[in-house]
Protein backbone atom coordinates (compact mmCIF):
# COMPACT_ATOMS: atom_id res chain seq x y z
CA MET A 1 -59.33 -34.46 -70.16
CA LEU A 2 -60.82 -31.03 -69.42
CA LEU A 3 -58.93 -29.13 -66.75
CA HIS A 4 -59.88 -26.66 -64.05
CA VAL A 5 -59.37 -23.04 -65.18
CA GLN A 6 -59.27 -19.70 -63.38
CA ARG A 7 -59.50 -16.57 -65.49
CA LEU A 8 -58.19 -13.10 -64.83
CA GLY A 9 -58.36 -10.16 -67.20
CA THR A 10 -60.59 -9.46 -70.17
CA ALA A 11 -58.15 -8.64 -73.00
CA SER A 12 -58.58 -10.48 -76.30
CA GLN A 13 -55.15 -12.05 -76.25
CA ALA A 14 -55.06 -15.19 -74.06
CA LEU A 15 -52.19 -16.21 -71.81
CA VAL A 16 -52.08 -19.79 -70.46
CA CYS A 17 -50.16 -20.26 -67.20
CA LEU A 18 -48.92 -23.73 -66.21
CA HIS A 19 -47.61 -24.50 -62.70
CA GLY A 20 -44.84 -26.81 -61.59
CA PHE A 21 -45.03 -30.32 -60.12
CA LEU A 22 -47.26 -30.62 -57.01
CA GLY A 23 -48.42 -27.04 -57.48
CA SER A 24 -51.62 -25.47 -58.88
CA GLY A 25 -52.70 -22.62 -61.15
CA ASP A 26 -52.67 -20.29 -58.14
CA ASN A 27 -48.84 -20.36 -58.20
CA LEU A 28 -48.72 -18.03 -61.19
CA TRP A 29 -51.50 -15.67 -60.06
CA PRO A 30 -49.05 -12.75 -59.57
CA LEU A 31 -48.13 -12.92 -63.25
CA ALA A 32 -51.77 -12.98 -64.28
CA ASP A 33 -52.50 -10.00 -62.04
CA HIS A 34 -49.53 -8.10 -63.42
CA LEU A 35 -50.78 -8.61 -66.98
CA LYS A 36 -54.52 -8.34 -66.39
CA THR A 37 -55.00 -5.22 -68.46
CA ARG A 38 -52.99 -6.71 -71.37
CA ARG A 39 -53.91 -10.38 -71.24
CA GLN A 40 -56.77 -12.68 -70.44
CA SER A 41 -54.93 -15.20 -68.31
CA LEU A 42 -56.04 -18.80 -67.85
CA LEU A 43 -54.49 -20.35 -64.78
CA ILE A 44 -54.78 -24.07 -65.32
CA ASP A 45 -54.47 -26.96 -62.85
CA LEU A 46 -52.69 -29.81 -64.61
CA ARG A 47 -54.12 -33.32 -64.56
CA GLY A 48 -54.01 -34.80 -61.06
CA HIS A 49 -53.25 -31.36 -59.51
CA GLY A 50 -55.41 -28.83 -57.71
CA ARG A 51 -59.05 -28.99 -58.76
CA SER A 52 -58.52 -30.87 -62.02
CA PRO A 53 -59.57 -34.52 -62.46
CA HIS A 54 -57.23 -37.31 -61.44
CA GLY A 55 -56.26 -40.25 -63.66
CA GLY A 56 -53.24 -41.41 -65.53
CA PRO A 57 -51.23 -41.79 -67.50
CA TYR A 58 -49.13 -38.92 -66.11
CA THR A 59 -46.94 -38.26 -69.11
CA LEU A 60 -45.79 -35.08 -70.71
CA GLY A 61 -47.83 -35.84 -73.81
CA ALA A 62 -50.97 -36.51 -71.82
CA PHE A 63 -50.53 -33.23 -69.87
CA ALA A 64 -49.99 -31.32 -73.10
CA ASP A 65 -52.99 -32.81 -74.87
CA ASP A 66 -55.18 -32.02 -71.82
CA VAL A 67 -54.25 -28.34 -72.15
CA ALA A 68 -54.99 -28.39 -75.91
CA GLU A 69 -58.37 -30.01 -75.26
CA THR A 70 -59.15 -27.48 -72.59
CA LEU A 71 -58.23 -24.53 -74.90
CA GLU A 72 -60.52 -26.03 -77.55
CA ALA A 73 -63.38 -26.22 -75.05
CA GLU A 74 -62.69 -22.63 -73.96
CA GLY A 75 -62.89 -21.45 -77.56
CA ILE A 76 -59.26 -20.28 -77.67
CA ALA A 77 -57.62 -20.89 -81.02
CA GLN A 78 -54.22 -19.48 -80.14
CA ALA A 79 -52.55 -18.30 -76.92
CA ASP A 80 -49.30 -17.18 -75.35
CA LEU A 81 -48.01 -19.78 -72.95
CA VAL A 82 -45.95 -19.57 -69.70
CA GLY A 83 -44.87 -22.65 -67.72
CA HIS A 84 -42.68 -23.12 -64.69
CA SER A 85 -40.69 -26.33 -64.04
CA LEU A 86 -42.96 -29.27 -64.98
CA GLY A 87 -45.37 -26.68 -66.42
CA GLY A 88 -42.58 -25.39 -68.61
CA LYS A 89 -41.87 -28.85 -69.93
CA VAL A 90 -45.56 -29.38 -70.55
CA ALA A 91 -45.62 -26.01 -72.31
CA MET A 92 -42.77 -27.12 -74.59
CA ALA A 93 -44.52 -30.43 -75.28
CA LEU A 94 -47.70 -28.55 -76.19
CA ALA A 95 -45.77 -26.23 -78.56
CA LEU A 96 -44.19 -29.20 -80.31
CA ARG A 97 -47.42 -31.23 -80.52
CA HIS A 98 -49.80 -28.38 -81.32
CA PRO A 99 -47.66 -25.51 -82.68
CA GLU A 100 -50.62 -23.78 -84.33
CA ARG A 101 -52.07 -23.09 -80.86
CA ILE A 102 -49.03 -21.19 -79.53
CA ARG A 103 -48.14 -17.58 -80.38
CA LYS A 104 -45.29 -17.05 -77.87
CA LEU A 105 -43.72 -19.42 -75.38
CA VAL A 106 -42.11 -18.66 -72.02
CA VAL A 107 -40.31 -21.52 -70.20
CA VAL A 108 -39.20 -20.97 -66.61
CA ASP A 109 -36.16 -22.87 -65.29
CA ILE A 110 -36.52 -26.20 -67.03
CA SER A 111 -35.06 -27.71 -70.20
CA ALA A 112 -36.45 -30.02 -72.85
CA GLY A 113 -33.81 -32.59 -72.00
CA PRO A 114 -33.97 -35.37 -69.38
CA SER A 115 -34.74 -34.12 -65.87
CA GLU A 116 -33.16 -35.30 -62.65
CA SER A 117 -35.33 -37.15 -60.13
CA LEU A 118 -35.85 -34.32 -57.67
CA PHE A 119 -39.15 -35.40 -56.15
CA ILE A 120 -39.17 -39.16 -55.66
CA GLY A 121 -37.97 -38.84 -52.03
CA LEU A 122 -40.54 -36.14 -51.33
CA LEU A 123 -43.31 -38.26 -52.83
CA GLU A 124 -42.39 -41.17 -50.55
CA ALA A 125 -42.24 -38.86 -47.54
CA LEU A 126 -45.64 -37.41 -48.39
CA ALA A 127 -47.09 -40.87 -48.70
CA ARG A 128 -45.98 -41.70 -45.16
CA ILE A 129 -47.92 -38.78 -43.59
CA PRO A 130 -51.02 -40.10 -41.77
CA VAL A 131 -53.30 -37.54 -43.35
CA ALA A 132 -56.56 -39.06 -42.09
CA SER A 133 -55.57 -38.45 -38.47
CA LEU A 134 -54.23 -34.90 -38.89
CA ARG A 135 -55.93 -32.09 -36.95
CA ASN A 136 -54.23 -29.35 -38.96
CA ARG A 137 -51.57 -28.87 -41.63
CA SER A 138 -48.91 -27.76 -39.16
CA GLU A 139 -48.84 -31.29 -37.67
CA ALA A 140 -47.60 -32.59 -41.00
CA GLU A 141 -44.77 -30.12 -41.53
CA PRO A 142 -42.22 -31.70 -39.12
CA LEU A 143 -42.72 -35.05 -40.83
CA LEU A 144 -41.22 -33.69 -44.02
CA GLN A 145 -38.06 -32.20 -42.52
CA GLY A 146 -35.95 -35.25 -43.39
CA ALA A 147 -36.94 -35.04 -47.08
CA GLU A 148 -37.07 -31.25 -47.55
CA PRO A 149 -34.96 -28.93 -45.44
CA LEU A 150 -36.58 -25.68 -46.57
CA LEU A 151 -39.57 -24.61 -44.52
CA GLU A 152 -41.06 -22.61 -47.41
CA THR A 153 -41.01 -25.66 -49.67
CA ARG A 154 -42.61 -27.91 -47.03
CA ARG A 155 -45.40 -25.40 -46.57
CA PHE A 156 -45.81 -25.16 -50.34
CA LEU A 157 -46.15 -28.98 -50.62
CA LEU A 158 -48.67 -29.15 -47.76
CA LYS A 159 -51.00 -26.75 -49.54
CA ASN A 160 -52.03 -29.99 -51.26
CA LEU A 161 -53.79 -31.06 -48.08
CA ALA A 162 -57.54 -30.46 -48.01
CA PRO A 163 -60.00 -31.19 -45.16
CA ALA A 164 -61.75 -34.57 -45.58
CA PRO A 165 -65.54 -34.79 -45.16
CA GLU A 166 -65.13 -37.60 -42.60
CA GLY A 167 -62.51 -35.65 -40.66
CA GLY A 168 -58.77 -35.34 -40.93
CA PHE A 169 -57.31 -34.46 -44.34
CA ARG A 170 -56.85 -35.84 -47.83
CA TRP A 171 -54.54 -35.09 -50.72
CA ARG A 172 -55.91 -32.86 -53.47
CA MET A 173 -53.27 -34.20 -55.80
CA ASP A 174 -53.09 -37.79 -57.14
CA LEU A 175 -50.22 -38.81 -54.90
CA GLU A 176 -50.31 -42.51 -55.80
CA GLY A 177 -50.56 -41.80 -59.54
CA PHE A 178 -47.51 -39.49 -59.31
CA ARG A 179 -45.53 -42.09 -57.44
CA ARG A 180 -46.34 -44.64 -60.10
CA ASP A 181 -45.66 -42.41 -63.14
CA HIS A 182 -42.99 -40.11 -61.81
CA ASP A 183 -40.29 -41.44 -64.16
CA HIS A 184 -42.36 -40.49 -67.25
CA LEU A 185 -42.12 -36.82 -66.21
CA LEU A 186 -38.32 -36.98 -66.36
CA GLU A 187 -38.14 -38.06 -69.97
CA PRO A 188 -36.71 -35.72 -72.64
CA LEU A 189 -38.93 -34.15 -75.27
CA ASP A 190 -38.51 -34.94 -78.93
CA ALA A 191 -40.30 -34.01 -82.13
CA ALA A 192 -39.97 -34.51 -85.87
CA LEU A 193 -40.04 -30.78 -86.39
CA PRO A 194 -38.88 -27.95 -84.09
CA PHE A 195 -41.19 -25.20 -82.83
CA PRO A 196 -40.34 -22.13 -84.95
CA GLY A 197 -42.15 -19.47 -82.94
CA PRO A 198 -40.78 -16.86 -80.52
CA ALA A 199 -39.68 -18.44 -77.21
CA LEU A 200 -37.90 -17.33 -74.07
CA LEU A 201 -36.24 -19.50 -71.40
CA ILE A 202 -35.79 -17.80 -68.05
CA LYS A 203 -33.30 -19.52 -65.73
CA GLY A 204 -32.33 -18.86 -62.13
CA SER A 205 -28.68 -17.94 -61.64
CA THR A 206 -28.22 -20.39 -58.79
CA SER A 207 -30.36 -23.18 -60.26
CA ASP A 208 -28.76 -26.18 -61.93
CA GLN A 209 -31.76 -27.07 -64.07
CA VAL A 210 -30.52 -25.44 -67.31
CA HIS A 211 -26.84 -26.31 -67.82
CA ALA A 212 -24.97 -26.03 -71.11
CA GLN A 213 -25.90 -29.45 -72.47
CA ALA A 214 -29.57 -29.00 -71.48
CA TRP A 215 -29.68 -25.58 -73.18
CA GLU A 216 -28.12 -27.02 -76.36
CA TYR A 217 -30.73 -29.85 -76.44
CA THR A 218 -33.55 -27.36 -75.85
CA HIS A 219 -32.36 -24.88 -78.48
CA ARG A 220 -32.36 -27.59 -81.16
CA LEU A 221 -36.11 -28.03 -80.61
CA PHE A 222 -36.77 -24.32 -80.16
CA PRO A 223 -34.30 -22.55 -82.50
CA ALA A 224 -35.84 -19.08 -81.96
CA MET A 225 -35.62 -19.42 -78.16
CA ARG A 226 -33.61 -16.76 -76.26
CA LEU A 227 -32.06 -17.25 -72.85
CA LEU A 228 -32.49 -14.83 -69.88
CA GLU A 229 -30.86 -15.36 -66.50
CA LEU A 230 -32.27 -13.68 -63.38
CA PRO A 231 -30.78 -13.73 -59.88
CA GLY A 232 -32.24 -16.53 -57.79
CA GLY A 233 -32.99 -20.21 -57.79
CA HIS A 234 -35.46 -22.62 -59.31
CA TRP A 235 -38.49 -20.65 -58.07
CA ILE A 236 -37.23 -17.60 -59.93
CA HIS A 237 -40.72 -16.15 -60.30
CA VAL A 238 -40.65 -15.78 -56.49
CA ASP A 239 -36.95 -15.03 -55.96
CA ALA A 240 -36.81 -12.27 -58.57
CA ARG A 241 -40.51 -11.48 -58.73
CA GLN A 242 -40.47 -7.95 -60.15
CA ALA A 243 -37.75 -8.63 -62.71
CA PHE A 244 -39.57 -11.85 -63.73
CA LEU A 245 -42.94 -10.01 -64.15
CA GLU A 246 -41.35 -7.24 -66.18
CA SER A 247 -39.33 -9.62 -68.37
CA VAL A 248 -42.30 -11.78 -69.24
CA GLY A 249 -44.44 -8.73 -69.98
CA ALA A 250 -41.77 -7.20 -72.19
CA PHE A 251 -41.30 -10.41 -74.12
CA LEU A 252 -45.01 -10.94 -74.72
CA GLU A 253 -45.48 -7.33 -75.87
CA ALA A 254 -42.39 -7.14 -78.10
CA GLU A 255 -42.75 -7.43 -81.85
CA THR A 256 -39.69 -9.68 -81.81
CA PRO A 257 -38.06 -11.41 -78.82
CA PRO A 258 -35.71 -9.15 -76.82
CA PRO A 259 -32.00 -9.92 -76.91
CA THR A 260 -30.65 -12.36 -74.37
CA HIS A 261 -29.31 -10.90 -71.13
CA ALA A 262 -27.22 -13.96 -70.21
CA ALA A 263 -24.29 -15.89 -71.57
CA LEU A 264 -24.85 -19.54 -72.22
CA PRO A 265 -24.42 -21.52 -68.97
CA THR A 266 -21.25 -23.50 -68.62
CA ALA A 267 -21.23 -27.25 -68.00
């Protein structure tokens, strides 16, 4: 499946940016803007998200193969790759399935191991919103309070609402497909051979996504991966924006990966 792509920058070296679950390529625009003189960034909407086509199966392998197919269509033989949350897991799947396409890999606050079911309650809450009768997005926000206490997250999720031609709103994302296939996105990655290239995992200091066991599992598949901890939570590219931008830029520009700035997380 060919995916929707936004480009920023004209440098010869390509950087592919992959967003998290229920997001879109726009989520990593600040990184692309920060690197626009050094990288040609491709901000990609994953299958079923944003302006990309809908249609299952929604699996990590299918997501990764979509990105590989899109890079082929764009004439990009090899790229650097950054992915946050689900996008990070898709990035790792792509590196394992198509290692020749990846020069350097940056994974943001996700591991290669099994993921916890963080979104199933939200998906059910989103499905209960009467989108066809909404007059504006703000009417939907209170309906999510029981499933998501953070206002910023509720507003982020409701960016997926788009005006419908017949009035009211519709979901830009494939909500029903995600409800059906959500469990596939929680599965651990595996591969006959590890990815040998330079890799960096950035975790948030208050996030529980990358604990000791998850890091050990991930490091087996990515033996050259280094770990960097920044102050903040799961949305570390927002919580520690400047440090995140500078860390990713330094890693991509370095001849070899920089040394880790964090001890291994404890269980």
